[in-house]
PDB file of N, CA and C in Angstrom:
ATOM      1  N   MET A   1      65.774  77.883 100.454  1.00  0.00           N
ATOM      2  CA  MET A   1      66.895  78.695 100.866  1.00  0.00           C
ATOM      3  C   MET A   1      68.190  77.904 100.681  1.00  0.00           C
ATOM      4  N   ILE A   2      69.264  78.637 100.522  1.00  0.00           N
ATOM      5  CA  ILE A   2      70.592  78.055 100.339  1.00  0.00           C
ATOM      6  C   ILE A   2      71.529  78.613 101.404  1.00  0.00           C
ATOM      7  N   ASP A   3      72.210  77.717 102.115  1.00  0.00           N
ATOM      8  CA  ASP A   3      73.271  78.123 103.039  1.00  0.00           C
ATOM      9  C   ASP A   3      74.604  77.957 102.322  1.00  0.00           C
ATOM     10  N   HIS A   4      75.393  79.020 102.321  1.00  0.00           N
ATOM     11  CA  HIS A   4      76.718  79.050 101.694  1.00  0.00           C
ATOM     12  C   HIS A   4      77.722  79.254 102.823  1.00  0.00           C
ATOM     13  N   ILE A   5      78.620  78.275 103.000  1.00  0.00           N
ATOM     14  CA  ILE A   5      79.581  78.332 104.098  1.00  0.00           C
ATOM     15  C   ILE A   5      80.987  78.240 103.519  1.00  0.00           C
ATOM     16  N   VAL A   6      81.856  79.151 103.957  1.00  0.00           N
ATOM     17  CA  VAL A   6      83.223  79.201 103.452  1.00  0.00           C
ATOM     18  C   VAL A   6      84.195  79.265 104.628  1.00  0.00           C
ATOM     19  N   LEU A   7      85.241  78.451 104.565  1.00  0.00           N
ATOM     20  CA  LEU A   7      86.353  78.498 105.506  1.00  0.00           C
ATOM     21  C   LEU A   7      87.575  78.939 104.720  1.00  0.00           C
ATOM     22  N   VAL A   8      88.332  79.888 105.258  1.00  0.00           N
ATOM     23  CA  VAL A   8      89.487  80.425 104.541  1.00  0.00           C
ATOM     24  C   VAL A   8      90.753  80.231 105.374  1.00  0.00           C
ATOM     25  N   LYS A   9      91.776  79.703 104.699  1.00  0.00           N
ATOM     26  CA  LYS A   9      93.079  79.458 105.323  1.00  0.00           C
ATOM     27  C   LYS A   9      94.077  80.482 104.793  1.00  0.00           C
ATOM     28  N   PHE A  10      94.830  81.080 105.707  1.00  0.00           N
ATOM     29  CA  PHE A  10      95.787  82.122 105.347  1.00  0.00           C
ATOM     30  C   PHE A  10      97.212  81.713 105.694  1.00  0.00           C
ATOM     31  N   ALA A  11      98.156  82.403 105.082  1.00  0.00           N
ATOM     32  CA  ALA A  11      99.572  82.184 105.343  1.00  0.00           C
ATOM     33  C   ALA A  11      99.920  82.616 106.770  1.00  0.00           C
ATOM     34  N   GLU A  12     101.012  82.104 107.262  1.00  0.00           N
ATOM     35  CA  GLU A  12     101.473  82.480 108.596  1.00  0.00           C
ATOM     36  C   GLU A  12     101.832  83.961 108.668  1.00  0.00           C
ATOM     37  N   THR A  13     102.111  84.567 107.522  1.00  0.00           N
ATOM     38  CA  THR A  13     102.479  85.979 107.485  1.00  0.00           C
ATOM     39  C   THR A  13     101.272  86.916 107.546  1.00  0.00           C
ATOM     40  N   THR A  14     100.071  86.372 107.413  1.00  0.00           N
ATOM     41  CA  THR A  14      98.863  87.198 107.499  1.00  0.00           C
ATOM     42  C   THR A  14      98.686  87.631 108.953  1.00  0.00           C
ATOM     43  N   THR A  15      98.518  88.933 109.162  1.00  0.00           N
ATOM     44  CA  THR A  15      98.438  89.466 110.523  1.00  0.00           C
ATOM     45  C   THR A  15      97.025  89.333 111.099  1.00  0.00           C
ATOM     46  N   PRO A  16      96.895  89.374 112.423  1.00  0.00           N
ATOM     47  CA  PRO A  16      95.564  89.383 113.038  1.00  0.00           C
ATOM     48  C   PRO A  16      94.712  90.561 112.548  1.00  0.00           C
ATOM     49  N   GLU A  17      95.336  91.687 112.296  1.00  0.00           N
ATOM     50  CA  GLU A  17      94.599  92.856 111.799  1.00  0.00           C
ATOM     51  C   GLU A  17      94.046  92.590 110.398  1.00  0.00           C
ATOM     52  N   GLN A  18      94.826  91.925 109.575  1.00  0.00           N
ATOM     53  CA  GLN A  18      94.358  91.591 108.230  1.00  0.00           C
ATOM     54  C   GLN A  18      93.213  90.574 108.283  1.00  0.00           C
ATOM     55  N   LEU A  19      93.311  89.616 109.186  1.00  0.00           N
ATOM     56  CA  LEU A  19      92.225  88.641 109.348  1.00  0.00           C
ATOM     57  C   LEU A  19      90.943  89.350 109.770  1.00  0.00           C
ATOM     58  N   GLN A  20      91.051  90.283 110.703  1.00  0.00           N
ATOM     59  CA  GLN A  20      89.869  91.025 111.143  1.00  0.00           C
ATOM     60  C   GLN A  20      89.315  91.866 110.006  1.00  0.00           C
ATOM     61  N   GLU A  21      90.181  92.413 109.193  1.00  0.00           N
ATOM     62  CA  GLU A  21      89.726  93.196 108.035  1.00  0.00           C
ATOM     63  C   GLU A  21      88.945  92.316 107.053  1.00  0.00           C
ATOM     64  N   VAL A  22      89.381  91.083 106.869  1.00  0.00           N
ATOM     65  CA  VAL A  22      88.638  90.143 106.019  1.00  0.00           C
ATOM     66  C   VAL A  22      87.240  89.940 106.589  1.00  0.00           C
ATOM     67  N   VAL A  23      87.160  89.690 107.890  1.00  0.00           N
ATOM     68  CA  VAL A  23      85.863  89.505 108.553  1.00  0.00           C
ATOM     69  C   VAL A  23      84.987  90.742 108.356  1.00  0.00           C
ATOM     70  N   ASP A  24      85.544  91.916 108.566  1.00  0.00           N
ATOM     71  CA  ASP A  24      84.782  93.157 108.423  1.00  0.00           C
ATOM     72  C   ASP A  24      84.285  93.345 106.990  1.00  0.00           C
ATOM     73  N   ARG A  25      85.120  93.014 106.026  1.00  0.00           N
ATOM     74  CA  ARG A  25      84.715  93.144 104.617  1.00  0.00           C
ATOM     75  C   ARG A  25      83.630  92.134 104.258  1.00  0.00           C
ATOM     76  N   PHE A  26      83.746  90.916 104.800  1.00  0.00           N
ATOM     77  CA  PHE A  26      82.675  89.940 104.597  1.00  0.00           C
ATOM     78  C   PHE A  26      81.356  90.482 105.143  1.00  0.00           C
ATOM     79  N   LYS A  27      81.381  90.991 106.362  1.00  0.00           N
ATOM     80  CA  LYS A  27      80.158  91.500 106.985  1.00  0.00           C
ATOM     81  C   LYS A  27      79.557  92.663 106.197  1.00  0.00           C
ATOM     82  N   ALA A  28      80.401  93.500 105.617  1.00  0.00           N
ATOM     83  CA  ALA A  28      79.926  94.648 104.842  1.00  0.00           C
ATOM     84  C   ALA A  28      79.219  94.231 103.554  1.00  0.00           C
ATOM     85  N   LEU A  29      79.462  93.003 103.094  1.00  0.00           N
ATOM     86  CA  LEU A  29      78.798  92.542 101.868  1.00  0.00           C
ATOM     87  C   LEU A  29      77.281  92.559 102.005  1.00  0.00           C
ATOM     88  N   LYS A  30      76.797  92.379 103.208  1.00  0.00           N
ATOM     89  CA  LYS A  30      75.347  92.345 103.427  1.00  0.00           C
ATOM     90  C   LYS A  30      74.672  93.615 102.907  1.00  0.00           C
ATOM     91  N   ASN A  31      75.402  94.736 102.937  1.00  0.00           N
ATOM     92  CA  ASN A  31      74.842  96.008 102.480  1.00  0.00           C
ATOM     93  C   ASN A  31      74.860  96.162 100.965  1.00  0.00           C
ATOM     94  N   HIS A  32      75.523  95.238 100.266  1.00  0.00           N
ATOM     95  CA  HIS A  32      75.691  95.375  98.821  1.00  0.00           C
ATOM     96  C   HIS A  32      75.041  94.251  98.021  1.00  0.00           C
ATOM     97  N   LEU A  33      74.365  93.345  98.684  1.00  0.00           N
ATOM     98  CA  LEU A  33      73.791  92.190  98.007  1.00  0.00           C
ATOM     99  C   LEU A  33      72.295  92.101  98.259  1.00  0.00           C
ATOM    100  N   THR A  34      71.608  91.549  97.291  1.00  0.00           N
ATOM    101  CA  THR A  34      70.178  91.292  97.471  1.00  0.00           C
ATOM    102  C   THR A  34      69.977  89.788  97.641  1.00  0.00           C
ATOM    103  N   GLY A  35      68.885  89.437  98.240  1.00  0.00           N
ATOM    104  CA  GLY A  35      68.559  88.029  98.405  1.00  0.00           C
ATOM    105  C   GLY A  35      69.229  87.364  99.594  1.00  0.00           C
ATOM    106  N   ILE A  36      69.808  88.162 100.501  1.00  0.00           N
ATOM    107  CA  ILE A  36      70.446  87.604 101.691  1.00  0.00           C
ATOM    108  C   ILE A  36      69.446  87.590 102.849  1.00  0.00           C
ATOM    109  N   VAL A  37      69.284  86.437 103.450  1.00  0.00           N
ATOM    110  CA  VAL A  37      68.444  86.285 104.633  1.00  0.00           C
ATOM    111  C   VAL A  37      69.270  86.565 105.879  1.00  0.00           C
ATOM    112  N   ASP A  38      70.523  86.069 105.881  1.00  0.00           N
ATOM    113  CA  ASP A  38      71.412  86.257 107.026  1.00  0.00           C
ATOM    114  C   ASP A  38      72.852  86.137 106.553  1.00  0.00           C
ATOM    115  N   LEU A  39      73.744  86.864 107.198  1.00  0.00           N
ATOM    116  CA  LEU A  39      75.170  86.790 106.899  1.00  0.00           C
ATOM    117  C   LEU A  39      75.935  86.890 108.204  1.00  0.00           C
ATOM    118  N   GLN A  40      76.815  85.915 108.445  1.00  0.00           N
ATOM    119  CA  GLN A  40      77.664  85.901 109.628  1.00  0.00           C
ATOM    120  C   GLN A  40      79.100  85.669 109.178  1.00  0.00           C
ATOM    121  N   ALA A  41      80.035  86.332 109.801  1.00  0.00           N
ATOM    122  CA  ALA A  41      81.455  86.126 109.521  1.00  0.00           C
ATOM    123  C   ALA A  41      82.216  86.326 110.820  1.00  0.00           C
ATOM    124  N   GLY A  42      83.295  85.565 110.960  1.00  0.00           N
ATOM    125  CA  GLY A  42      84.091  85.717 112.165  1.00  0.00           C
ATOM    126  C   GLY A  42      85.362  84.900 112.097  1.00  0.00           C
ATOM    127  N   LEU A  43      86.149  85.062 113.151  1.00  0.00           N
ATOM    128  CA  LEU A  43      87.385  84.306 113.283  1.00  0.00           C
ATOM    129  C   LEU A  43      87.066  82.941 113.886  1.00  0.00           C
ATOM    130  N   ASN A  44      87.696  81.916 113.377  1.00  0.00           N
ATOM    131  CA  ASN A  44      87.484  80.560 113.839  1.00  0.00           C
ATOM    132  C   ASN A  44      88.066  80.387 115.237  1.00  0.00           C
ATOM    133  N   LEU A  45      87.268  79.919 116.174  1.00  0.00           N
ATOM    134  CA  LEU A  45      87.702  79.697 117.552  1.00  0.00           C
ATOM    135  C   LEU A  45      88.026  78.235 117.850  1.00  0.00           C
ATOM    136  N   ALA A  46      87.692  77.328 116.916  1.00  0.00           N
ATOM    137  CA  ALA A  46      87.870  75.896 117.151  1.00  0.00           C
ATOM    138  C   ALA A  46      89.344  75.509 117.155  1.00  0.00           C
ATOM    139  N   GLU A  47      89.742  74.741 118.129  1.00  0.00           N
ATOM    140  CA  GLU A  47      91.124  74.276 118.220  1.00  0.00           C
ATOM    141  C   GLU A  47      91.427  73.194 117.181  1.00  0.00           C
ATOM    142  N   LYS A  48      90.455  72.315 116.912  1.00  0.00           N
ATOM    143  CA  LYS A  48      90.680  71.201 115.997  1.00  0.00           C
ATOM    144  C   LYS A  48      90.885  71.640 114.553  1.00  0.00           C
ATOM    145  N   SER A  49      90.265  72.713 114.143  1.00  0.00           N
ATOM    146  CA  SER A  49      90.313  73.152 112.750  1.00  0.00           C
ATOM    147  C   SER A  49      90.927  74.530 112.620  1.00  0.00           C
ATOM    148  N   LYS A  50      91.888  74.837 113.442  1.00  0.00           N
ATOM    149  CA  LYS A  50      92.397  76.196 113.511  1.00  0.00           C
ATOM    150  C   LYS A  50      93.206  76.617 112.295  1.00  0.00           C
ATOM    151  N   ASP A  51      93.515  75.677 111.387  1.00  0.00           N
ATOM    152  CA  ASP A  51      94.235  76.046 110.166  1.00  0.00           C
ATOM    153  C   ASP A  51      93.405  76.984 109.290  1.00  0.00           C
ATOM    154  N   TYR A  52      92.098  76.907 109.406  1.00  0.00           N
ATOM    155  CA  TYR A  52      91.202  77.795 108.663  1.00  0.00           C
ATOM    156  C   TYR A  52      90.761  78.889 109.622  1.00  0.00           C
ATOM    157  N   GLN A  53      91.265  80.110 109.397  1.00  0.00           N
ATOM    158  CA  GLN A  53      91.124  81.172 110.385  1.00  0.00           C
ATOM    159  C   GLN A  53      89.835  81.981 110.284  1.00  0.00           C
ATOM    160  N   VAL A  54      89.242  82.070 109.085  1.00  0.00           N
ATOM    161  CA  VAL A  54      88.065  82.914 108.895  1.00  0.00           C
ATOM    162  C   VAL A  54      86.904  82.064 108.358  1.00  0.00           C
ATOM    163  N   VAL A  55      85.719  82.329 108.896  1.00  0.00           N
ATOM    164  CA  VAL A  55      84.519  81.600 108.500  1.00  0.00           C
ATOM    165  C   VAL A  55      83.466  82.597 108.027  1.00  0.00           C
ATOM    166  N   LEU A  56      82.819  82.255 106.906  1.00  0.00           N
ATOM    167  CA  LEU A  56      81.702  83.040 106.375  1.00  0.00           C
ATOM    168  C   LEU A  56      80.512  82.111 106.220  1.00  0.00           C
ATOM    169  N   SER A  57      79.355  82.556 106.678  1.00  0.00           N
ATOM    170  CA  SER A  57      78.118  81.809 106.499  1.00  0.00           C
ATOM    171  C   SER A  57      77.052  82.779 105.990  1.00  0.00           C
ATOM    172  N   VAL A  58      76.512  82.466 104.816  1.00  0.00           N
ATOM    173  CA  VAL A  58      75.491  83.320 104.219  1.00  0.00           C
ATOM    174  C   VAL A  58      74.276  82.465 103.885  1.00  0.00           C
ATOM    175  N   ARG A  59      73.108  82.922 104.277  1.00  0.00           N
ATOM    176  CA  ARG A  59      71.860  82.260 103.905  1.00  0.00           C
ATOM    177  C   ARG A  59      71.183  83.107 102.832  1.00  0.00           C
ATOM    178  N   PHE A  60      70.997  82.488 101.666  1.00  0.00           N
ATOM    179  CA  PHE A  60      70.378  83.165 100.525  1.00  0.00           C
ATOM    180  C   PHE A  60      68.938  82.708 100.352  1.00  0.00           C
ATOM    181  N   GLU A  61      68.127  83.595  99.805  1.00  0.00           N
ATOM    182  CA  GLU A  61      66.728  83.262  99.553  1.00  0.00           C
ATOM    183  C   GLU A  61      66.594  82.085  98.594  1.00  0.00           C
ATOM    184  N   ASP A  62      67.465  82.054  97.577  1.00  0.00           N
ATOM    185  CA  ASP A  62      67.362  81.021  96.559  1.00  0.00           C
ATOM    186  C   ASP A  62      68.677  80.906  95.775  1.00  0.00           C
ATOM    187  N   GLN A  63      68.695  79.981  94.836  1.00  0.00           N
ATOM    188  CA  GLN A  63      69.880  79.726  94.024  1.00  0.00           C
ATOM    189  C   GLN A  63      70.264  80.949  93.197  1.00  0.00           C
ATOM    190  N   ALA A  64      69.286  81.684  92.717  1.00  0.00           N
ATOM    191  CA  ALA A  64      69.568  82.882  91.913  1.00  0.00           C
ATOM    192  C   ALA A  64      70.336  83.926  92.725  1.00  0.00           C
ATOM    193  N   ALA A  65      69.985  84.089  93.985  1.00  0.00           N
ATOM    194  CA  ALA A  65      70.695  85.047  94.845  1.00  0.00           C
ATOM    195  C   ALA A  65      72.135  84.601  95.078  1.00  0.00           C
ATOM    196  N   LEU A  66      72.342  83.302  95.246  1.00  0.00           N
ATOM    197  CA  LEU A  66      73.700  82.767  95.408  1.00  0.00           C
ATOM    198  C   LEU A  66      74.528  83.023  94.152  1.00  0.00           C
ATOM    199  N   GLU A  67      73.950  82.795  93.003  1.00  0.00           N
ATOM    200  CA  GLU A  67      74.660  83.011  91.748  1.00  0.00           C
ATOM    201  C   GLU A  67      74.992  84.487  91.543  1.00  0.00           C
ATOM    202  N   ALA A  68      74.088  85.370  91.909  1.00  0.00           N
ATOM    203  CA  ALA A  68      74.340  86.809  91.791  1.00  0.00           C
ATOM    204  C   ALA A  68      75.470  87.230  92.724  1.00  0.00           C
ATOM    205  N   TYR A  69      75.536  86.632  93.901  1.00  0.00           N
ATOM    206  CA  TYR A  69      76.598  86.906  94.868  1.00  0.00           C
ATOM    207  C   TYR A  69      77.971  86.631  94.265  1.00  0.00           C
ATOM    208  N   GLY A  70      78.095  85.515  93.574  1.00  0.00           N
ATOM    209  CA  GLY A  70      79.371  85.139  92.989  1.00  0.00           C
ATOM    210  C   GLY A  70      79.887  86.138  91.972  1.00  0.00           C
ATOM    211  N   GLN A  71      78.977  86.811  91.282  1.00  0.00           N
ATOM    212  CA  GLN A  71      79.348  87.771  90.243  1.00  0.00           C
ATOM    213  C   GLN A  71      79.409  89.215  90.738  1.00  0.00           C
ATOM    214  N   ASN A  72      78.972  89.449  91.953  1.00  0.00           N
ATOM    215  CA  ASN A  72      78.892  90.801  92.497  1.00  0.00           C
ATOM    216  C   ASN A  72      80.266  91.460  92.601  1.00  0.00           C
ATOM    217  N   GLU A  73      80.359  92.729  92.201  1.00  0.00           N
ATOM    218  CA  GLU A  73      81.637  93.458  92.223  1.00  0.00           C
ATOM    219  C   GLU A  73      82.220  93.571  93.628  1.00  0.00           C
ATOM    220  N   GLU A  74      81.376  93.826  94.615  1.00  0.00           N
ATOM    221  CA  GLU A  74      81.855  93.942  95.997  1.00  0.00           C
ATOM    222  C   GLU A  74      82.426  92.610  96.486  1.00  0.00           C
ATOM    223  N   HIS A  75      81.748  91.524  96.140  1.00  0.00           N
ATOM    224  CA  HIS A  75      82.252  90.200  96.505  1.00  0.00           C
ATOM    225  C   HIS A  75      83.592  89.941  95.827  1.00  0.00           C
ATOM    226  N   GLN A  76      83.707  90.305  94.572  1.00  0.00           N
ATOM    227  CA  GLN A  76      84.969  90.126  93.843  1.00  0.00           C
ATOM    228  C   GLN A  76      86.094  90.943  94.480  1.00  0.00           C
ATOM    229  N   ALA A  77      85.777  92.136  94.980  1.00  0.00           N
ATOM    230  CA  ALA A  77      86.779  92.979  95.643  1.00  0.00           C
ATOM    231  C   ALA A  77      87.255  92.328  96.945  1.00  0.00           C
ATOM    232  N   VAL A  78      86.342  91.733  97.699  1.00  0.00           N
ATOM    233  CA  VAL A  78      86.731  91.037  98.925  1.00  0.00           C
ATOM    234  C   VAL A  78      87.612  89.835  98.570  1.00  0.00           C
ATOM    235  N   ALA A  79      87.247  89.101  97.541  1.00  0.00           N
ATOM    236  CA  ALA A  79      88.052  87.951  97.116  1.00  0.00           C
ATOM    237  C   ALA A  79      89.467  88.385  96.729  1.00  0.00           C
ATOM    238  N   ALA A  80      89.586  89.511  96.060  1.00  0.00           N
ATOM    239  CA  ALA A  80      90.908  90.027  95.678  1.00  0.00           C
ATOM    240  C   ALA A  80      91.717  90.405  96.920  1.00  0.00           C
ATOM    241  N   TYR A  81      91.066  91.028  97.898  1.00  0.00           N
ATOM    242  CA  TYR A  81      91.767  91.394  99.135  1.00  0.00           C
ATOM    243  C   TYR A  81      92.253  90.150  99.870  1.00  0.00           C
ATOM    244  N   ILE A  82      91.430  89.134  99.917  1.00  0.00           N
ATOM    245  CA  ILE A  82      91.791  87.890 100.592  1.00  0.00           C
ATOM    246  C   ILE A  82      93.053  87.297  99.972  1.00  0.00           C
ATOM    247  N   LYS A  83      93.118  87.290  98.654  1.00  0.00           N
ATOM    248  CA  LYS A  83      94.319  86.789  97.971  1.00  0.00           C
ATOM    249  C   LYS A  83      95.522  87.668  98.296  1.00  0.00           C
ATOM    250  N   GLU A  84      95.295  88.966  98.313  1.00  0.00           N
ATOM    251  CA  GLU A  84      96.364  89.934  98.575  1.00  0.00           C
ATOM    252  C   GLU A  84      97.016  89.731  99.947  1.00  0.00           C
ATOM    253  N   VAL A  85      96.210  89.371 100.950  1.00  0.00           N
ATOM    254  CA  VAL A  85      96.748  89.248 102.310  1.00  0.00           C
ATOM    255  C   VAL A  85      97.177  87.827 102.674  1.00  0.00           C
ATOM    256  N   GLY A  86      97.193  86.919 101.696  1.00  0.00           N
ATOM    257  CA  GLY A  86      97.801  85.627 101.960  1.00  0.00           C
ATOM    258  C   GLY A  86      96.918  84.403 101.967  1.00  0.00           C
ATOM    259  N   ARG A  87      95.801  84.451 101.263  1.00  0.00           N
ATOM    260  CA  ARG A  87      94.944  83.257 101.187  1.00  0.00           C
ATOM    261  C   ARG A  87      95.737  82.087 100.611  1.00  0.00           C
ATOM    262  N   ILE A  88      95.691  80.968 101.315  1.00  0.00           N
ATOM    263  CA  ILE A  88      96.332  79.742 100.855  1.00  0.00           C
ATOM    264  C   ILE A  88      95.299  78.793 100.264  1.00  0.00           C
ATOM    265  N   ASP A  89      94.155  78.689 100.931  1.00  0.00           N
ATOM    266  CA  ASP A  89      93.129  77.727 100.530  1.00  0.00           C
ATOM    267  C   ASP A  89      91.789  78.182 101.072  1.00  0.00           C
ATOM    268  N   SER A  90      90.733  77.644 100.492  1.00  0.00           N
ATOM    269  CA  SER A  90      89.401  77.856 101.044  1.00  0.00           C
ATOM    270  C   SER A  90      88.539  76.641 100.724  1.00  0.00           C
ATOM    271  N   ILE A  91      87.578  76.423 101.591  1.00  0.00           N
ATOM    272  CA  ILE A  91      86.605  75.359 101.412  1.00  0.00           C
ATOM    273  C   ILE A  91      85.245  76.023 101.396  1.00  0.00           C
ATOM    274  N   GLY A  92      84.458  75.749 100.384  1.00  0.00           N
ATOM    275  CA  GLY A  92      83.110  76.301 100.306  1.00  0.00           C
ATOM    276  C   GLY A  92      82.096  75.206 100.068  1.00  0.00           C
ATOM    277  N   VAL A  93      80.993  75.296 100.768  1.00  0.00           N
ATOM    278  CA  VAL A  93      79.909  74.333 100.576  1.00  0.00           C
ATOM    279  C   VAL A  93      78.592  75.084 100.511  1.00  0.00           C
ATOM    280  N   ASP A  94      77.668  74.539  99.752  1.00  0.00           N
ATOM    281  CA  ASP A  94      76.319  75.083  99.633  1.00  0.00           C
ATOM    282  C   ASP A  94      75.330  73.964  99.922  1.00  0.00           C
ATOM    283  N   ILE A  95      74.359  74.239 100.791  1.00  0.00           N
ATOM    284  CA  ILE A  95      73.329  73.258 101.072  1.00  0.00           C
ATOM    285  C   ILE A  95      71.959  73.904 100.957  1.00  0.00           C
ATOM    286  N   GLU A  96      71.026  73.148 100.424  1.00  0.00           N
ATOM    287  CA  GLU A  96      69.650  73.630 100.345  1.00  0.00           C
ATOM    288  C   GLU A  96      68.941  73.235 101.630  1.00  0.00           C
ATOM    289  N   ILE A  97      68.270  74.228 102.234  1.00  0.00           N
ATOM    290  CA  ILE A  97      67.579  73.938 103.494  1.00  0.00           C
ATOM    291  C   ILE A  97      66.092  74.186 103.366  1.00  0.00           C
TER     292      ILE A  97
END
């Protein structure tokens, strides 16, 4: 299995409603992808790392499912929305478990 974890940093002009919409769109991806064991998304509550406001964690069955996720149209649409509402940076990591 592969765990894919993403932290997303947004501009100060990004509203709380837009951040929640990002979370909701991340969660909706579960209905459009195959090979997902688990998907969690939410707003970052940590004080130390609060510059990154949204967190996504996806557990994939295998590397092929992760690769398909990257090319998926729904995933690409969420990525476009994130840029539209003020994405400044993101950190993504993948670990095999």
